Amino acid sequence: MPERSFAVAASIENELRLLAPEVRGSADLLGALLHPEFTEFGASGRCWDRAAVIAELTAHPTAPERPTTTSRMRGVQLADDLVHLTFDTDTNGRPAHRSSLWRRTDRGWLLWFHQATPFSPADG
């Protein structure tokens, strides 16, 4: 298996930080990881911009019943300033396939785009 690049490792570290309840409940910590042009296509089907996702997540700062788990996390560096991550999550029994694009900026690696697609575990 090839060695993971610094860019991929940094993006994975930041992605995992975004799942932490203390980050999700803090507008400052959350905002520090989101690109100014951030967009998300959520598992609900809703399209979110940076301000809307920060407002939604920080309005409900309670931790989930069980911590969100991740699996099959992998990444590829598409360009000097762009990393694509794919992985699965399970949040309180709700699995989703996820895809994230991380952009390198003068502030470090920031989440530029994210998409979550719910799936049935039987479908994998």
N, C-alpha and C. Protein backbone atom coordinates (compact mmCIF):
# COMPACT_ATOMS: atom_id res chain seq x y z
N MET A 1 0.85 -1.17 0.00
CA MET A 1 0.00 0.00 0.00
C MET A 1 0.89 1.24 0.00
N PRO A 2 0.62 2.23 -0.88
CA PRO A 2 1.45 3.41 -0.92
C PRO A 2 1.31 4.24 0.36
N GLU A 3 2.39 4.94 0.68
CA GLU A 3 2.37 5.79 1.87
C GLU A 3 1.42 6.96 1.64
N ARG A 4 0.65 7.31 2.68
CA ARG A 4 -0.31 8.39 2.60
C ARG A 4 0.42 9.73 2.54
N SER A 5 0.00 10.61 1.63
CA SER A 5 0.63 11.93 1.52
C SER A 5 0.24 12.80 2.72
N PHE A 6 1.05 13.83 2.96
CA PHE A 6 0.74 14.77 4.03
C PHE A 6 -0.63 15.39 3.81
N ALA A 7 -0.95 15.75 2.57
CA ALA A 7 -2.23 16.39 2.25
C ALA A 7 -3.40 15.48 2.59
N VAL A 8 -3.31 14.21 2.25
CA VAL A 8 -4.38 13.26 2.56
C VAL A 8 -4.48 13.08 4.07
N ALA A 9 -3.35 12.92 4.74
CA ALA A 9 -3.36 12.74 6.19
C ALA A 9 -3.97 13.94 6.90
N ALA A 10 -3.61 15.15 6.47
CA ALA A 10 -4.16 16.37 7.08
C ALA A 10 -5.67 16.46 6.83
N SER A 11 -6.11 16.09 5.64
CA SER A 11 -7.54 16.14 5.33
C SER A 11 -8.32 15.13 6.16
N ILE A 12 -7.78 13.93 6.32
CA ILE A 12 -8.45 12.92 7.15
C ILE A 12 -8.52 13.40 8.59
N GLU A 13 -7.43 13.94 9.10
CA GLU A 13 -7.42 14.45 10.48
C GLU A 13 -8.50 15.53 10.67
N ASN A 14 -8.59 16.44 9.72
CA ASN A 14 -9.60 17.50 9.82
C ASN A 14 -11.02 16.96 9.67
N GLU A 15 -11.20 15.99 8.79
CA GLU A 15 -12.53 15.37 8.62
C GLU A 15 -12.98 14.74 9.93
N LEU A 16 -12.09 14.02 10.58
CA LEU A 16 -12.44 13.38 11.86
C LEU A 16 -12.71 14.43 12.94
N ARG A 17 -11.98 15.54 12.91
CA ARG A 17 -12.25 16.62 13.86
C ARG A 17 -13.66 17.16 13.67
N LEU A 18 -14.12 17.26 12.42
CA LEU A 18 -15.46 17.77 12.15
C LEU A 18 -16.56 16.90 12.76
N LEU A 19 -16.27 15.65 13.00
CA LEU A 19 -17.27 14.74 13.59
C LEU A 19 -17.33 14.83 15.11
N ALA A 20 -16.36 15.48 15.73
CA ALA A 20 -16.30 15.57 17.19
C ALA A 20 -17.39 16.52 17.69
N PRO A 21 -18.15 16.10 18.71
CA PRO A 21 -19.23 16.96 19.24
C PRO A 21 -18.76 18.34 19.69
N GLU A 22 -17.55 18.42 20.25
CA GLU A 22 -17.07 19.73 20.70
C GLU A 22 -16.79 20.67 19.54
N VAL A 23 -16.43 20.14 18.37
CA VAL A 23 -16.23 20.98 17.19
C VAL A 23 -17.58 21.34 16.58
N ARG A 24 -18.47 20.38 16.48
CA ARG A 24 -19.79 20.61 15.89
C ARG A 24 -20.62 21.60 16.70
N GLY A 25 -20.34 21.73 17.97
CA GLY A 25 -21.09 22.65 18.82
C GLY A 25 -20.49 24.04 18.93
N SER A 26 -19.37 24.29 18.26
CA SER A 26 -18.67 25.57 18.36
C SER A 26 -18.57 26.23 16.99
N ALA A 27 -19.18 27.39 16.86
CA ALA A 27 -19.12 28.12 15.59
C ALA A 27 -17.67 28.45 15.22
N ASP A 28 -16.84 28.78 16.20
CA ASP A 28 -15.45 29.11 15.92
C ASP A 28 -14.66 27.90 15.44
N LEU A 29 -14.78 26.77 16.15
CA LEU A 29 -14.04 25.57 15.76
C LEU A 29 -14.54 25.02 14.43
N LEU A 30 -15.84 25.01 14.23
CA LEU A 30 -16.42 24.54 12.98
C LEU A 30 -16.03 25.45 11.82
N GLY A 31 -16.17 26.75 12.03
CA GLY A 31 -15.83 27.71 10.99
C GLY A 31 -14.38 27.66 10.58
N ALA A 32 -13.51 27.29 11.52
CA ALA A 32 -12.07 27.22 11.22
C ALA A 32 -11.74 26.09 10.25
N LEU A 33 -12.66 25.14 10.06
CA LEU A 33 -12.42 24.00 9.18
C LEU A 33 -13.18 24.09 7.85
N LEU A 34 -14.08 25.06 7.73
CA LEU A 34 -14.90 25.18 6.53
C LEU A 34 -14.41 26.31 5.63
N HIS A 35 -14.24 26.01 4.37
CA HIS A 35 -13.84 26.98 3.36
C HIS A 35 -14.92 28.07 3.25
N PRO A 36 -14.56 29.31 2.96
CA PRO A 36 -15.58 30.35 2.80
C PRO A 36 -16.64 30.02 1.75
N GLU A 37 -16.29 29.21 0.75
CA GLU A 37 -17.23 28.82 -0.31
C GLU A 37 -17.84 27.44 -0.09
N PHE A 38 -17.80 26.94 1.14
CA PHE A 38 -18.28 25.60 1.46
C PHE A 38 -19.72 25.39 1.00
N THR A 39 -19.95 24.18 0.45
CA THR A 39 -21.29 23.72 0.05
C THR A 39 -21.43 22.26 0.47
N GLU A 40 -22.63 21.89 0.88
CA GLU A 40 -22.91 20.49 1.22
C GLU A 40 -24.24 20.07 0.64
N PHE A 41 -24.26 18.85 0.09
CA PHE A 41 -25.51 18.19 -0.25
C PHE A 41 -25.72 17.17 0.86
N GLY A 42 -26.63 17.47 1.78
CA GLY A 42 -26.82 16.65 2.96
C GLY A 42 -27.57 15.36 2.70
N ALA A 43 -27.50 14.46 3.67
CA ALA A 43 -28.21 13.18 3.58
C ALA A 43 -29.71 13.40 3.47
N SER A 44 -30.19 14.54 3.94
CA SER A 44 -31.62 14.88 3.85
C SER A 44 -32.03 15.30 2.45
N GLY A 45 -31.03 15.58 1.59
CA GLY A 45 -31.30 16.10 0.27
C GLY A 45 -31.20 17.61 0.20
N ARG A 46 -31.04 18.24 1.34
CA ARG A 46 -30.95 19.70 1.41
C ARG A 46 -29.55 20.17 0.99
N CYS A 47 -29.49 21.31 0.32
CA CYS A 47 -28.23 21.94 -0.03
C CYS A 47 -27.92 22.99 1.03
N TRP A 48 -26.70 22.91 1.60
CA TRP A 48 -26.30 23.79 2.68
C TRP A 48 -25.14 24.67 2.24
N ASP A 49 -25.12 25.92 2.70
CA ASP A 49 -23.93 26.74 2.54
C ASP A 49 -23.23 26.82 3.89
N ARG A 50 -22.11 27.50 3.94
CA ARG A 50 -21.30 27.57 5.15
C ARG A 50 -22.09 28.13 6.33
N ALA A 51 -22.73 29.27 6.14
CA ALA A 51 -23.46 29.92 7.24
C ALA A 51 -24.60 29.03 7.76
N ALA A 52 -25.32 28.39 6.84
CA ALA A 52 -26.46 27.56 7.25
C ALA A 52 -26.01 26.32 8.03
N VAL A 53 -24.93 25.69 7.60
CA VAL A 53 -24.48 24.49 8.30
C VAL A 53 -23.91 24.84 9.68
N ILE A 54 -23.21 25.97 9.79
CA ILE A 54 -22.71 26.40 11.10
C ILE A 54 -23.88 26.70 12.02
N ALA A 55 -24.87 27.42 11.52
CA ALA A 55 -26.04 27.76 12.35
C ALA A 55 -26.78 26.51 12.80
N GLU A 56 -26.98 25.56 11.90
CA GLU A 56 -27.73 24.34 12.23
C GLU A 56 -26.99 23.49 13.25
N LEU A 57 -25.71 23.26 13.03
CA LEU A 57 -24.96 22.39 13.94
C LEU A 57 -24.78 23.00 15.32
N THR A 58 -24.56 24.29 15.37
CA THR A 58 -24.33 24.92 16.68
C THR A 58 -25.64 25.20 17.42
N ALA A 59 -26.76 25.16 16.73
CA ALA A 59 -28.06 25.35 17.39
C ALA A 59 -28.46 24.11 18.19
N HIS A 60 -27.88 22.97 17.88
CA HIS A 60 -28.19 21.70 18.55
C HIS A 60 -26.89 21.05 19.03
N PRO A 61 -26.23 21.63 20.05
CA PRO A 61 -24.89 21.16 20.42
C PRO A 61 -24.85 19.87 21.24
N THR A 62 -25.97 19.21 21.45
CA THR A 62 -25.93 17.98 22.23
C THR A 62 -25.28 16.86 21.43
N ALA A 63 -24.59 16.00 22.15
CA ALA A 63 -23.92 14.86 21.52
C ALA A 63 -24.97 13.82 21.10
N PRO A 64 -24.70 13.08 20.01
CA PRO A 64 -25.62 12.01 19.63
C PRO A 64 -25.64 10.92 20.70
N GLU A 65 -26.67 10.07 20.64
CA GLU A 65 -26.79 8.97 21.60
C GLU A 65 -25.52 8.12 21.61
N ARG A 66 -25.01 7.83 20.43
CA ARG A 66 -23.74 7.10 20.29
C ARG A 66 -22.82 7.95 19.42
N PRO A 67 -21.52 7.86 19.64
CA PRO A 67 -20.61 8.62 18.78
C PRO A 67 -20.74 8.16 17.33
N THR A 68 -20.55 9.09 16.41
CA THR A 68 -20.54 8.74 15.00
C THR A 68 -19.31 7.89 14.73
N THR A 69 -19.52 6.79 14.03
CA THR A 69 -18.39 5.92 13.67
C THR A 69 -18.11 6.09 12.18
N THR A 70 -16.85 5.92 11.83
CA THR A 70 -16.44 5.99 10.43
C THR A 70 -15.82 4.67 10.01
N SER A 71 -15.94 4.38 8.74
CA SER A 71 -15.28 3.19 8.18
C SER A 71 -14.93 3.47 6.73
N ARG A 72 -14.04 2.66 6.21
CA ARG A 72 -13.61 2.71 4.81
C ARG A 72 -13.11 4.09 4.38
N MET A 73 -12.45 4.81 5.31
CA MET A 73 -11.91 6.14 4.99
C MET A 73 -10.71 5.98 4.07
N ARG A 74 -10.75 6.67 2.96
CA ARG A 74 -9.61 6.68 2.05
C ARG A 74 -9.57 8.03 1.35
N GLY A 75 -8.40 8.37 0.87
CA GLY A 75 -8.24 9.66 0.23
C GLY A 75 -7.26 9.60 -0.92
N VAL A 76 -7.42 10.55 -1.81
CA VAL A 76 -6.51 10.68 -2.94
C VAL A 76 -6.27 12.18 -3.17
N GLN A 77 -5.02 12.53 -3.41
CA GLN A 77 -4.68 13.91 -3.71
C GLN A 77 -4.86 14.11 -5.20
N LEU A 78 -5.82 14.96 -5.57
CA LEU A 78 -6.15 15.19 -6.98
C LEU A 78 -5.27 16.25 -7.62
N ALA A 79 -4.80 17.19 -6.81
CA ALA A 79 -3.93 18.28 -7.27
C ALA A 79 -3.16 18.77 -6.06
N ASP A 80 -2.22 19.69 -6.27
CA ASP A 80 -1.44 20.20 -5.14
C ASP A 80 -2.32 20.76 -4.03
N ASP A 81 -3.46 21.32 -4.42
CA ASP A 81 -4.32 21.99 -3.44
C ASP A 81 -5.68 21.33 -3.27
N LEU A 82 -5.83 20.04 -3.66
CA LEU A 82 -7.14 19.40 -3.60
C LEU A 82 -7.03 17.93 -3.23
N VAL A 83 -7.80 17.53 -2.20
CA VAL A 83 -7.85 16.14 -1.75
C VAL A 83 -9.31 15.68 -1.75
N HIS A 84 -9.53 14.46 -2.24
CA HIS A 84 -10.86 13.85 -2.23
C HIS A 84 -10.87 12.72 -1.21
N LEU A 85 -11.79 12.78 -0.24
CA LEU A 85 -11.97 11.71 0.73
C LEU A 85 -13.30 11.03 0.50
N THR A 86 -13.32 9.71 0.68
CA THR A 86 -14.58 8.96 0.70
C THR A 86 -14.56 8.07 1.93
N PHE A 87 -15.74 7.90 2.52
CA PHE A 87 -15.87 7.09 3.73
C PHE A 87 -17.34 6.87 4.03
N ASP A 88 -17.59 6.00 4.98
CA ASP A 88 -18.95 5.75 5.47
C ASP A 88 -19.03 6.18 6.92
N THR A 89 -20.24 6.61 7.32
CA THR A 89 -20.48 6.92 8.73
C THR A 89 -21.73 6.19 9.19
N ASP A 90 -21.81 6.03 10.48
CA ASP A 90 -23.03 5.56 11.13
C ASP A 90 -23.28 6.47 12.31
N THR A 91 -24.38 7.19 12.27
CA THR A 91 -24.78 8.09 13.35
C THR A 91 -26.12 7.62 13.89
N ASN A 92 -26.08 7.05 15.08
CA ASN A 92 -27.30 6.54 15.72
C ASN A 92 -28.10 5.61 14.81
N GLY A 93 -27.40 4.71 14.12
CA GLY A 93 -28.07 3.73 13.27
C GLY A 93 -28.44 4.24 11.89
N ARG A 94 -27.98 5.43 11.52
CA ARG A 94 -28.25 5.99 10.19
C ARG A 94 -26.95 6.01 9.38
N PRO A 95 -26.74 4.99 8.53
CA PRO A 95 -25.50 4.95 7.74
C PRO A 95 -25.58 5.88 6.52
N ALA A 96 -24.41 6.40 6.15
CA ALA A 96 -24.32 7.26 4.96
C ALA A 96 -22.95 7.07 4.31
N HIS A 97 -22.98 7.04 2.97
CA HIS A 97 -21.74 7.14 2.20
C HIS A 97 -21.41 8.62 2.13
N ARG A 98 -20.13 8.96 2.26
CA ARG A 98 -19.74 10.37 2.28
C ARG A 98 -18.57 10.63 1.34
N SER A 99 -18.57 11.84 0.79
CA SER A 99 -17.53 12.29 -0.11
C SER A 99 -17.21 13.74 0.24
N SER A 100 -15.92 14.04 0.42
CA SER A 100 -15.49 15.38 0.78
C SER A 100 -14.35 15.84 -0.11
N LEU A 101 -14.37 17.12 -0.44
CA LEU A 101 -13.26 17.75 -1.15
C LEU A 101 -12.64 18.78 -0.22
N TRP A 102 -11.34 18.63 0.02
CA TRP A 102 -10.59 19.52 0.89
C TRP A 102 -9.64 20.35 0.03
N ARG A 103 -9.64 21.69 0.26
CA ARG A 103 -8.78 22.60 -0.50
C ARG A 103 -7.72 23.19 0.41
N ARG A 104 -6.51 23.25 -0.09
CA ARG A 104 -5.43 23.88 0.67
C ARG A 104 -5.52 25.39 0.47
N THR A 105 -5.49 26.11 1.57
CA THR A 105 -5.55 27.57 1.56
C THR A 105 -4.40 28.10 2.41
N ASP A 106 -4.31 29.41 2.52
CA ASP A 106 -3.30 29.99 3.40
C ASP A 106 -3.61 29.71 4.87
N ARG A 107 -4.82 29.24 5.18
CA ARG A 107 -5.21 28.85 6.53
C ARG A 107 -5.12 27.33 6.75
N GLY A 108 -4.59 26.62 5.79
CA GLY A 108 -4.48 25.16 5.89
C GLY A 108 -5.53 24.48 5.03
N TRP A 109 -5.78 23.20 5.31
CA TRP A 109 -6.73 22.40 4.55
C TRP A 109 -8.14 22.66 5.08
N LEU A 110 -9.04 23.14 4.19
CA LEU A 110 -10.41 23.47 4.57
C LEU A 110 -11.39 22.69 3.72
N LEU A 111 -12.50 22.30 4.35
CA LEU A 111 -13.54 21.55 3.64
C LEU A 111 -14.27 22.49 2.68
N TRP A 112 -14.21 22.13 1.40
CA TRP A 112 -14.79 22.96 0.35
C TRP A 112 -16.16 22.41 -0.11
N PHE A 113 -16.27 21.06 -0.13
CA PHE A 113 -17.53 20.44 -0.57
C PHE A 113 -17.71 19.12 0.16
N HIS A 114 -18.96 18.82 0.51
CA HIS A 114 -19.28 17.55 1.16
C HIS A 114 -20.62 17.05 0.66
N GLN A 115 -20.71 15.72 0.49
CA GLN A 115 -21.99 15.10 0.12
C GLN A 115 -22.18 13.86 0.96
N ALA A 116 -23.40 13.68 1.47
CA ALA A 116 -23.77 12.48 2.23
C ALA A 116 -24.95 11.82 1.54
N THR A 117 -24.85 10.51 1.36
CA THR A 117 -25.93 9.75 0.73
C THR A 117 -26.31 8.60 1.64
N PRO A 118 -27.54 8.61 2.18
CA PRO A 118 -27.96 7.51 3.04
C PRO A 118 -27.98 6.20 2.28
N PHE A 119 -27.75 5.10 3.01
CA PHE A 119 -27.84 3.79 2.37
C PHE A 119 -28.31 2.77 3.40
N SER A 120 -28.80 1.67 2.90
CA SER A 120 -29.20 0.56 3.75
C SER A 120 -27.98 -0.36 3.93
N PRO A 121 -27.67 -0.77 5.15
CA PRO A 121 -26.53 -1.67 5.34
C PRO A 121 -26.60 -2.92 4.47
N ALA A 122 -27.80 -3.38 4.15
CA ALA A 122 -27.95 -4.56 3.30
C ALA A 122 -27.46 -4.29 1.88
N ASP A 123 -27.54 -3.02 1.47
CA ASP A 123 -27.09 -2.65 0.12
C ASP A 123 -25.61 -2.34 0.06
N GLY A 124 -25.02 -2.00 1.25
CA GLY A 124 -23.60 -1.72 1.35
C GLY A 124 -23.19 -0.55 0.58
